[in-house]
Protein backbone atom coordinates (compact mmCIF):
# COMPACT_ATOMS: atom_id res chain seq x y z
CA MET A 1 17.48 -10.13 -13.46
CA SER A 2 14.63 -12.34 -12.20
CA PHE A 3 11.46 -10.84 -10.82
CA VAL A 4 12.52 -11.64 -7.26
CA GLU A 5 15.94 -9.96 -7.83
CA THR A 6 14.29 -6.99 -9.57
CA VAL A 7 11.81 -6.15 -6.91
CA SER A 8 14.29 -6.75 -4.10
CA ALA A 9 16.69 -4.19 -5.64
CA ASP A 10 14.01 -1.58 -6.32
CA PRO A 11 13.93 1.17 -3.61
CA GLU A 12 10.27 1.98 -4.37
CA LEU A 13 9.09 -1.47 -3.50
CA GLU A 14 8.79 -3.53 -0.38
CA LEU A 15 7.57 -7.10 -1.01
CA HIS A 16 6.62 -9.49 1.76
CA GLY A 17 5.41 -12.63 0.07
CA LEU A 18 5.02 -14.03 -3.49
CA VAL A 19 3.20 -17.21 -4.49
CA VAL A 20 2.69 -18.07 -8.16
CA LEU A 21 0.37 -20.94 -9.05
CA ARG A 22 0.28 -22.52 -12.51
CA GLY A 23 -2.60 -24.92 -13.01
CA GLY A 24 -3.05 -24.84 -9.21
CA GLN A 25 0.57 -25.90 -8.51
CA PRO A 26 3.15 -23.60 -6.95
CA VAL A 27 5.92 -22.75 -9.38
CA LEU A 28 7.45 -19.83 -7.45
CA GLU A 29 7.28 -18.95 -3.79
CA HIS A 30 9.37 -16.36 -2.05
CA TYR A 31 9.28 -14.42 1.23
CA TRP A 32 11.22 -11.36 2.32
CA GLU A 33 12.50 -10.99 5.86
CA PRO A 34 11.06 -10.70 8.34
CA TYR A 35 7.87 -12.14 6.83
CA ARG A 36 7.21 -15.90 6.60
CA ALA A 37 4.83 -18.17 4.78
CA ASP A 38 2.57 -18.63 7.74
CA ASP A 39 2.00 -14.94 8.52
CA ARG A 40 -1.68 -14.06 8.24
CA THR A 41 -1.37 -10.53 6.96
CA LEU A 42 -4.03 -7.91 6.66
CA VAL A 43 -4.99 -7.96 2.91
CA TYR A 44 -7.06 -4.81 3.11
CA SER A 45 -9.59 -4.54 0.19
CA CYS A 46 -8.94 -8.07 -1.05
CA SER A 47 -11.46 -8.67 1.80
CA LYS A 48 -14.15 -7.17 -0.56
CA THR A 49 -13.94 -10.15 -2.86
CA LEU A 50 -14.61 -12.50 0.08
CA THR A 51 -17.56 -10.28 0.98
CA ALA A 52 -18.88 -10.54 -2.53
CA THR A 53 -18.42 -14.25 -2.51
CA ALA A 54 -20.65 -14.49 0.55
CA VAL A 55 -23.27 -12.49 -1.31
CA GLY A 56 -23.07 -14.90 -4.24
CA LEU A 57 -23.55 -17.87 -1.91
CA ALA A 58 -26.49 -16.16 -0.17
CA ALA A 59 -28.08 -15.52 -3.58
CA ALA A 60 -27.72 -19.21 -4.45
CA GLU A 61 -29.40 -20.13 -1.23
CA GLY A 62 -32.38 -17.88 -2.00
CA ARG A 63 -31.57 -15.40 0.80
CA LEU A 64 -31.45 -12.47 -1.68
CA ALA A 65 -31.01 -11.74 -5.39
CA VAL A 66 -28.59 -9.36 -7.06
CA THR A 67 -31.59 -7.63 -8.64
CA ASP A 68 -33.22 -6.99 -5.24
CA ARG A 69 -33.50 -3.43 -4.02
CA VAL A 70 -31.31 -2.69 -1.05
CA VAL A 71 -34.14 -0.79 0.78
CA ASP A 72 -36.29 -3.94 0.63
CA LEU A 73 -33.49 -6.09 2.12
CA LEU A 74 -32.57 -3.66 4.85
CA PRO A 75 -35.93 -2.00 5.73
CA ASP A 76 -34.79 -1.03 9.28
CA ALA A 77 -32.00 1.10 7.76
CA VAL A 78 -34.13 3.21 5.45
CA GLU A 79 -35.07 6.85 5.99
CA ASP A 80 -38.79 7.70 5.64
CA PRO A 81 -39.63 8.93 3.11
CA VAL A 82 -36.95 7.10 1.06
CA ASP A 83 -35.02 9.09 -1.55
CA ASP A 84 -35.87 8.04 -5.10
CA ARG A 85 -32.21 7.37 -6.01
CA VAL A 86 -31.55 5.41 -2.85
CA ALA A 87 -34.70 3.41 -3.57
CA ALA A 88 -33.23 2.47 -6.98
CA LEU A 89 -30.09 0.93 -5.50
CA THR A 90 -29.88 -2.83 -5.99
CA VAL A 91 -27.40 -5.45 -4.76
CA HIS A 92 -25.88 -5.36 -8.22
CA HIS A 93 -25.05 -1.69 -7.85
CA LEU A 94 -23.33 -2.29 -4.54
CA LEU A 95 -21.32 -5.19 -5.93
CA SER A 96 -20.16 -3.24 -8.97
CA MET A 97 -19.74 0.07 -7.12
CA SER A 98 -22.02 1.75 -9.63
CA THR A 99 -24.21 3.44 -7.05
CA GLY A 100 -24.04 6.92 -8.76
CA HIS A 101 -22.17 8.49 -5.88
CA ASP A 102 -19.33 10.85 -6.64
CA GLN A 103 -17.31 9.94 -3.61
CA ASP A 104 -16.86 7.14 -1.11
CA THR A 105 -19.85 6.87 1.27
CA ILE A 106 -17.76 5.36 4.03
CA GLU A 107 -17.25 8.84 5.32
CA ALA A 108 -20.87 8.85 6.43
CA ILE A 109 -20.29 6.30 9.14
CA PHE A 110 -17.37 8.08 10.90
CA GLY A 111 -18.53 9.70 14.08
CA GLY A 112 -21.81 7.76 14.10
CA ARG A 113 -22.92 4.88 16.29
CA PRO A 114 -22.02 1.49 14.72
CA ALA A 115 -25.72 0.56 15.03
CA ASP A 116 -26.56 3.41 12.67
CA TRP A 117 -23.88 2.85 10.05
CA ALA A 118 -26.17 1.25 7.47
CA ARG A 119 -28.75 3.98 7.92
CA ARG A 120 -26.11 6.66 7.62
CA VAL A 121 -24.70 5.22 4.38
CA LEU A 122 -28.16 4.75 2.88
CA ALA A 123 -28.95 8.37 3.72
CA VAL A 124 -26.38 9.64 1.28
CA ARG A 125 -28.23 10.46 -1.96
CA PRO A 126 -26.36 9.47 -5.14
CA GLN A 127 -25.32 12.54 -6.96
CA GLU A 128 -25.81 10.90 -10.39
CA PRO A 129 -28.39 8.38 -11.60
CA VAL A 130 -27.81 4.92 -10.12
CA GLY A 131 -25.79 2.71 -12.42
CA SER A 132 -24.37 5.63 -14.37
CA ARG A 133 -20.84 5.73 -13.04
CA HIS A 134 -18.17 3.91 -10.94
CA VAL A 135 -16.70 5.40 -7.82
CA TYR A 136 -14.66 3.33 -5.41
CA ASN A 137 -17.08 3.01 -2.53
CA ASN A 138 -16.16 1.27 0.73
CA GLY A 139 -19.61 2.11 2.00
CA ALA A 140 -21.12 -0.13 -0.69
CA SER A 141 -18.95 -3.00 0.56
CA PHE A 142 -19.96 -2.37 4.11
CA LEU A 143 -23.59 -2.62 3.07
CA LEU A 144 -22.92 -5.94 1.34
CA GLY A 145 -21.59 -7.35 4.60
CA GLU A 146 -24.67 -6.05 6.31
CA LEU A 147 -26.85 -7.74 3.78
CA VAL A 148 -25.17 -11.09 4.44
CA ARG A 149 -25.56 -10.59 8.21
CA VAL A 150 -29.25 -9.59 8.01
CA ARG A 151 -30.36 -12.14 5.39
CA THR A 152 -28.43 -15.21 6.65
CA GLY A 153 -28.25 -14.54 10.40
CA GLU A 154 -24.48 -15.14 10.29
CA ASP A 155 -21.52 -12.81 10.07
CA LEU A 156 -19.21 -12.92 7.02
CA LEU A 157 -16.49 -15.17 8.46
CA GLU A 158 -18.89 -17.56 10.15
CA TYR A 159 -20.92 -17.79 6.92
CA LEU A 160 -17.91 -18.31 4.61
CA THR A 161 -15.92 -20.71 6.73
CA PRO A 162 -17.90 -23.91 6.42
CA ARG A 163 -18.94 -23.23 2.84
CA VAL A 164 -15.60 -22.11 1.31
CA LEU A 165 -12.70 -21.37 3.59
CA ALA A 166 -12.54 -24.60 5.68
CA PRO A 167 -12.77 -26.87 2.64
CA MET A 168 -9.84 -24.96 1.18
CA GLY A 169 -7.80 -25.19 4.43
CA ILE A 170 -7.92 -21.39 4.93
CA ALA A 171 -8.00 -20.37 8.66
CA ALA A 172 -8.66 -16.68 8.04
CA THR A 173 -9.40 -14.10 10.72
CA TRP A 174 -11.31 -10.87 10.21
CA ASP A 175 -11.15 -7.49 11.97
CA ARG A 176 -14.46 -6.47 13.52
CA ASP A 177 -16.27 -3.27 14.38
CA PRO A 178 -17.35 -2.26 17.95
CA LEU A 179 -20.50 -4.48 17.56
CA GLY A 180 -18.41 -7.51 16.65
CA ARG A 181 -19.25 -7.45 12.93
CA CYS A 182 -16.63 -8.33 10.29
CA LEU A 183 -15.71 -5.25 8.34
CA GLY A 184 -17.14 -5.86 4.95
CA TRP A 185 -14.73 -3.55 3.08
CA THR A 186 -11.47 -4.65 4.80
CA GLY A 187 -10.12 -6.66 7.69
CA ALA A 188 -9.48 -10.18 6.37
CA HIS A 189 -6.12 -11.67 7.35
CA LEU A 190 -4.71 -14.28 4.98
CA THR A 191 -1.32 -15.81 4.27
CA THR A 192 0.08 -15.06 0.82
CA GLY A 193 -0.60 -18.66 -0.10
CA TRP A 194 -4.25 -18.46 0.94
CA LEU A 195 -4.66 -15.23 -1.02
CA ALA A 196 -3.33 -16.97 -4.11
CA ALA A 197 -5.59 -19.96 -3.40
CA PHE A 198 -8.67 -17.78 -3.31
CA GLY A 199 -7.68 -16.42 -6.69
CA GLU A 200 -7.23 -20.05 -7.89
CA LEU A 201 -10.73 -20.89 -6.72
CA TYR A 202 -12.08 -18.15 -9.05
CA ARG A 203 -9.81 -19.25 -11.87
CA CYS A 204 -11.31 -22.70 -11.55
CA ASP A 205 -14.87 -21.42 -11.66
CA GLY A 206 -15.47 -22.02 -8.01
CA VAL A 207 -14.37 -25.68 -8.03
CA TRP A 208 -11.75 -26.80 -5.49
CA ASP A 209 -10.25 -30.32 -5.48
CA GLY A 210 -13.08 -31.44 -7.72
CA VAL A 211 -15.81 -30.11 -5.38
CA ARG A 212 -17.93 -27.10 -6.39
CA LEU A 213 -17.77 -24.51 -3.59
CA LEU A 214 -19.11 -21.50 -5.37
CA PRO A 215 -22.56 -21.49 -7.23
CA GLU A 216 -22.37 -22.42 -10.84
CA GLY A 217 -22.30 -19.22 -12.92
CA TRP A 218 -21.20 -16.99 -10.06
CA VAL A 219 -17.61 -16.52 -11.18
CA ALA A 220 -18.66 -15.61 -14.67
CA GLN A 221 -21.06 -13.09 -13.25
CA ALA A 222 -18.58 -11.69 -10.71
CA THR A 223 -15.74 -11.27 -13.23
CA THR A 224 -17.79 -9.59 -15.94
CA ARG A 225 -16.78 -5.98 -16.60
CA HIS A 226 -19.95 -4.34 -15.26
CA ILE A 227 -18.86 -0.72 -15.25
CA PRO A 228 -16.05 1.31 -16.80
CA THR A 229 -13.38 2.85 -14.48
CA GLY A 230 -10.96 5.74 -14.89
CA PRO A 231 -9.66 7.33 -16.82
CA ASP A 232 -6.37 7.23 -14.89
CA PRO A 233 -3.41 7.50 -17.27
CA ALA A 234 -0.92 7.15 -14.38
CA SER A 235 -2.47 3.81 -13.34
CA PRO A 236 -3.60 1.94 -16.46
CA ASP A 237 -4.47 -1.21 -14.56
CA TRP A 238 -7.09 0.81 -12.62
CA GLU A 239 -8.94 1.95 -15.75
CA CYS A 240 -9.80 -1.47 -17.15
CA GLY A 241 -13.22 -1.85 -15.52
CA TYR A 242 -14.81 -3.24 -12.39
CA GLY A 243 -16.72 -6.50 -11.72
CA TYR A 244 -18.21 -7.61 -8.50
CA GLN A 245 -15.73 -6.35 -5.87
CA LEU A 246 -12.95 -7.31 -8.39
CA TRP A 247 -10.77 -5.06 -10.60
CA HIS A 248 -10.13 -5.94 -14.23
CA SER A 249 -6.47 -5.72 -15.32
CA ARG A 250 -5.00 -5.34 -18.74
CA GLU A 251 -5.01 -9.12 -18.61
CA GLY A 252 -7.45 -11.05 -16.40
CA TYR A 253 -8.67 -9.61 -13.12
CA ARG A 254 -7.52 -9.30 -9.59
CA LEU A 255 -8.28 -9.11 -5.88
CA ASP A 256 -6.75 -5.80 -4.90
CA GLY A 257 -5.86 -4.36 -1.47
CA ALA A 258 -4.18 -1.19 -0.32
CA PHE A 259 -0.38 -0.92 -0.55
CA GLY A 260 -0.03 -3.86 -2.92
CA GLN A 261 -1.96 -6.89 -1.73
CA PHE A 262 -2.91 -8.79 -4.85
CA ALA A 263 -4.24 -11.99 -6.25
CA LEU A 264 -3.86 -11.54 -10.02
CA VAL A 265 -5.84 -14.11 -11.91
CA LEU A 266 -4.83 -14.77 -15.55
CA PRO A 267 -7.23 -17.47 -16.78
CA GLU A 268 -5.81 -17.70 -20.36
CA ARG A 269 -2.37 -18.51 -18.91
CA GLY A 270 -3.63 -20.69 -16.10
CA LEU A 271 -1.84 -18.54 -13.61
CA VAL A 272 -2.51 -16.86 -10.26
CA VAL A 273 -0.03 -14.44 -8.77
CA GLY A 274 -0.42 -13.79 -5.03
CA ILE A 275 1.46 -10.81 -3.60
CA THR A 276 1.64 -9.22 -0.17
CA SER A 277 3.62 -6.08 0.13
CA ALA A 278 3.86 -2.45 1.35
CA GLN A 279 4.37 0.44 -1.00
CA VAL A 280 2.51 3.21 -2.76
CA ALA A 281 4.06 2.45 -6.19
CA THR A 282 1.45 -0.19 -6.87
CA GLN A 283 1.21 0.41 -10.62
CA HIS A 284 4.99 0.11 -10.84
CA LEU A 285 4.73 -3.25 -9.05
CA VAL A 286 2.04 -4.54 -11.39
CA ASP A 287 4.00 -3.28 -14.43
CA LEU A 288 6.92 -5.48 -13.24
CA VAL A 289 4.52 -8.49 -13.06
CA TRP A 290 3.69 -7.95 -16.75
CA ASP A 291 7.18 -6.94 -17.88
CA VAL A 292 9.44 -9.28 -15.83
CA LEU A 293 7.54 -11.99 -14.10
CA LEU A 294 5.32 -13.21 -16.93
CA PRO A 295 8.20 -13.48 -19.45
CA GLU A 296 10.17 -15.31 -16.78
CA LEU A 297 7.28 -17.74 -16.29
CA ASP A 298 7.13 -18.28 -20.03
CA GLY A 299 10.70 -19.43 -19.95
CA PRO A 300 12.06 -22.82 -18.92
CA ALA A 301 9.72 -24.93 -16.81
CA GLU A 302 12.32 -25.32 -14.11
CA LEU A 303 12.50 -21.96 -12.40
CA PRO A 304 15.43 -21.09 -10.15
CA ALA A 305 15.09 -21.97 -6.50
CA SER A 306 13.67 -19.14 -4.48
CA GLY A 307 14.65 -19.41 -0.80
CA ARG A 308 14.81 -16.30 1.34
CA PRO A 309 17.66 -13.96 0.46
CA ALA A 310 20.47 -13.54 2.89
CA GLU A 311 19.56 -10.88 5.46
CA ALA A 312 22.34 -8.52 6.08
CA GLY A 313 20.54 -6.49 8.69
CA LEU A 314 21.46 -2.94 9.70
CA PRO A 315 25.01 -2.24 10.83
CA ASP A 316 25.54 -2.30 14.58
CA SER A 317 25.39 1.29 15.71
CA GLY A 318 27.72 1.12 18.65
CA LEU A 319 25.67 3.78 20.32
CA GLY A 320 25.40 3.43 24.07
CA MET A 321 22.55 5.88 24.44
CA HIS A 322 19.29 6.60 26.15
CA TRP A 323 16.65 9.05 24.90
CA GLU A 324 13.42 10.23 26.40
CA ALA A 325 10.94 12.95 25.51
CA ALA A 326 7.29 13.81 25.78
CA SER A 327 6.57 12.87 22.21
CA VAL A 328 8.19 11.53 19.04
CA PRO A 329 7.30 13.81 16.09
CA TYR A 330 6.55 12.65 12.61
CA ASP A 331 9.66 12.39 10.47
CA PRO A 332 8.90 12.68 6.70
CA GLU A 333 12.24 11.17 5.77
CA LEU A 334 11.16 7.84 7.28
CA ASP A 335 7.77 7.83 5.55
CA ILE A 336 6.62 7.07 2.00
CA ALA A 337 2.92 7.66 2.53
CA PRO A 338 0.97 9.48 -0.22
CA GLU A 339 0.06 13.04 0.75
CA ASP A 340 -3.66 12.28 1.03
CA ILE A 341 -3.18 9.69 3.79
CA PRO A 342 -2.64 11.38 7.18
CA VAL A 343 0.07 9.92 9.36
CA VAL A 344 -0.80 10.01 13.05
CA PRO A 345 2.13 9.82 15.55
CA VAL A 346 1.45 6.89 17.84
CA VAL A 347 4.50 6.87 20.13
CA THR A 348 5.49 8.97 23.08
CA ASP A 349 8.15 8.67 25.79
CA ALA A 350 10.44 6.56 23.67
CA SER A 351 13.75 5.23 24.90
CA ALA A 352 16.46 3.00 23.46
CA ASP A 353 18.91 1.39 25.88
CA ARG A 354 21.84 -0.77 24.88
CA GLY A 355 21.62 -4.27 26.19
CA ASP A 356 23.84 -7.36 25.94
CA GLU A 357 22.67 -7.97 22.37
CA GLY A 358 21.10 -5.00 20.66
CA PHE A 359 18.71 -2.44 22.22
CA VAL A 360 15.76 -2.53 24.51
CA VAL A 361 13.30 -0.07 23.06
CA GLN A 362 10.44 1.12 25.19
CA PHE A 363 7.68 3.57 24.32
CA SER A 364 4.12 4.60 25.22
CA THR A 365 1.11 4.56 23.01
CA GLU A 366 -2.47 5.73 23.64
CA GLU A 367 -3.16 2.14 24.76
CA ALA A 368 -0.22 1.24 27.06
CA ARG A 369 3.48 1.03 27.58
CA ALA A 370 5.32 -1.36 25.26
CA SER A 371 8.78 -2.84 25.02
CA VAL A 372 10.71 -4.77 22.32
CA HIS A 373 14.22 -6.20 21.87
CA ALA A 374 15.91 -4.84 18.66
CA PRO A 375 19.16 -6.62 17.80
CA ALA A 376 21.15 -5.99 14.63
CA HIS A 377 19.20 -8.68 12.76
CA TRP A 378 15.51 -9.32 12.64
CA GLN A 379 14.13 -10.90 15.75
CA ARG A 380 10.51 -12.08 15.80
CA GLN A 381 8.74 -11.77 19.21
CA ARG A 382 5.45 -10.87 20.76
CA MET A 383 5.06 -7.30 21.98
CA THR A 384 2.65 -6.79 24.85
CA VAL A 385 0.52 -3.74 24.61
CA GLY A 386 -1.68 -3.58 27.62
CA ALA A 387 -3.31 -7.02 27.80
CA VAL A 388 -2.79 -7.74 24.10
CA ASP A 389 0.11 -9.63 22.50
CA VAL A 390 1.02 -8.33 19.08
CA PRO A 391 3.32 -10.35 16.83
CA VAL A 392 6.26 -8.20 15.65
CA ALA A 393 9.78 -8.38 14.35
CA ALA A 394 12.44 -5.80 15.25
CA ARG A 395 15.91 -4.80 14.40
CA ALA A 396 18.16 -1.80 15.07
CA GLY A 397 21.35 -0.29 13.55
CA ALA A 398 23.17 2.86 12.65
CA LEU A 399 22.38 5.22 9.86
CA ALA A 400 25.05 7.13 7.95
CA ASP A 401 24.71 10.21 10.23
CA GLY A 402 25.25 8.03 13.33
CA SER A 403 21.70 8.02 14.53
CA LEU A 404 20.00 4.84 15.58
CA LEU A 405 17.19 3.45 13.43
CA VAL A 406 14.79 0.93 14.98
CA GLU A 407 12.40 -0.91 12.65
CA LEU A 408 9.34 -2.55 14.16
CA THR A 409 7.43 -4.72 11.68
CA PHE A 410 3.89 -5.87 12.59
CA THR A 411 4.06 -9.24 10.89
CA GLU A 412 0.25 -9.80 10.66
CA SER A 413 -0.08 -6.53 8.74
CA PRO A 414 1.83 -4.75 5.90
CA HIS A 415 3.16 -2.10 8.22
CA THR A 416 6.55 -1.21 9.73
CA LEU A 417 7.06 1.55 12.28
CA ARG A 418 10.43 3.31 12.08
CA LEU A 419 11.94 5.17 14.99
CA ARG A 420 14.99 7.31 14.63
CA PHE A 421 17.07 8.27 17.72
CA GLY A 422 19.59 11.00 17.16
CA ALA A 423 22.84 11.38 19.14
CA ASP A 424 21.68 14.98 19.85
CA GLY A 425 18.63 13.67 21.74
CA ARG A 426 16.12 14.33 18.96
CA ALA A 427 13.90 11.60 17.58
CA GLY A 428 11.26 11.02 14.93
CA LEU A 429 8.95 8.32 13.56
CA GLY A 430 7.48 7.25 10.24
CA TRP A 431 5.68 4.31 8.70
CA SER A 432 6.66 2.16 5.70
CA VAL A 433 2.98 2.74 4.83
CA PRO A 434 0.57 4.08 7.44
CA PRO A 435 -2.18 1.85 8.89
CA LEU A 436 -5.51 2.91 7.43
CA GLN A 437 -7.48 1.72 10.44
CA GLY A 438 -5.88 4.29 12.75
CA PRO A 439 -3.03 4.51 15.25
CA GLU A 440 -3.97 1.64 17.65
CA LEU A 441 -1.07 -0.82 17.52
CA THR A 442 -3.29 -3.61 18.93
CA TRP A 443 -5.15 -3.59 15.64
CA LEU A 444 -2.06 -4.72 13.78
CA ARG A 445 -2.63 -8.37 14.34
CA ALA A 446 -4.83 -11.22 13.12
CA HIS A 447 -7.69 -11.39 15.59
């Protein structure tokens, strides 16, 4: 089977978009319903590479240097007296996540005022000597975004857009904190094609359409294996080392976001593989890239056409039911989240009423009352939550036990909310993968 057929048939995987570039030209492009080519999906930690790119540009403009001490660049965020290990942190250590901490420092900001986040992160003393170890550290990525803001006077998106994104035709959006700052560790919304294009920019040493957009030498510096990672025998592609907000793979390197958002860059093959998806079996997905997709790409130059597969939808339930309750409890059968990611129920007072075509599903959230139309096949629409319109796609149908399953996909994110309505009046909910930014449904859009 082809790669598209293989991943489509695999119950562990849920792919949304695939764009493969060879020498900068698309050789394979495929989207799985209800996603489309123009959906600007949340790419989670792929955002970190954009943040690092902004740092590289700022360095080339003389705003900072990767050898600079962080405490010198952010003096207003430093405790007095400064800890000796905190004082030793440089921009290089933030970029390579070699800060010496033994756990993610992002925990330090939770519960604190946004204005104090940088101070709170810098107050966490590295447990080991700076530069001695790698620990995945979202707090380091937040500080990189803060460095760009403080040293350039512009936020990440405003700084990157005229220099890199606009020349590439990328109209990204970026989620922001309560102070309006782009989240340096996550939050960028890109189409699958734009994600692949950003990988292509790195494959081409920062040159796009013959114009240099990234500083000469930056890509070589950013893609160097600066610090070992692992060991992680269960995930070999996560023990190949770390560059500047980039993971090394068994071949090449990659932009890497939660639940399977990837731009795999394979310079020796002239390939970039852009993937948007939603699953926890990310190593399994990457294995299929190596074992199925790359051999397929090494085959005949003319690959099979790759339009969207026929969408069978869920079977029509025939249920003429209405259900209401004070809350909808979490249903583990509808969820594939890893145990260490808490799932927060977000829906109360849910009801499903049969209409002329499908169901009218209504529910309450912490934010407001919401309503969607869920026919037997995917229907894209805008769901109003309070004063906010959220792009979604919905469908409904019967499960084998006769209960009604409603799937609500937030098409500018990787996430699908599943609601089960039982004929006995009981109900439950689960996520395809749970949103890491919390239960607010209005966050699940490009804004």
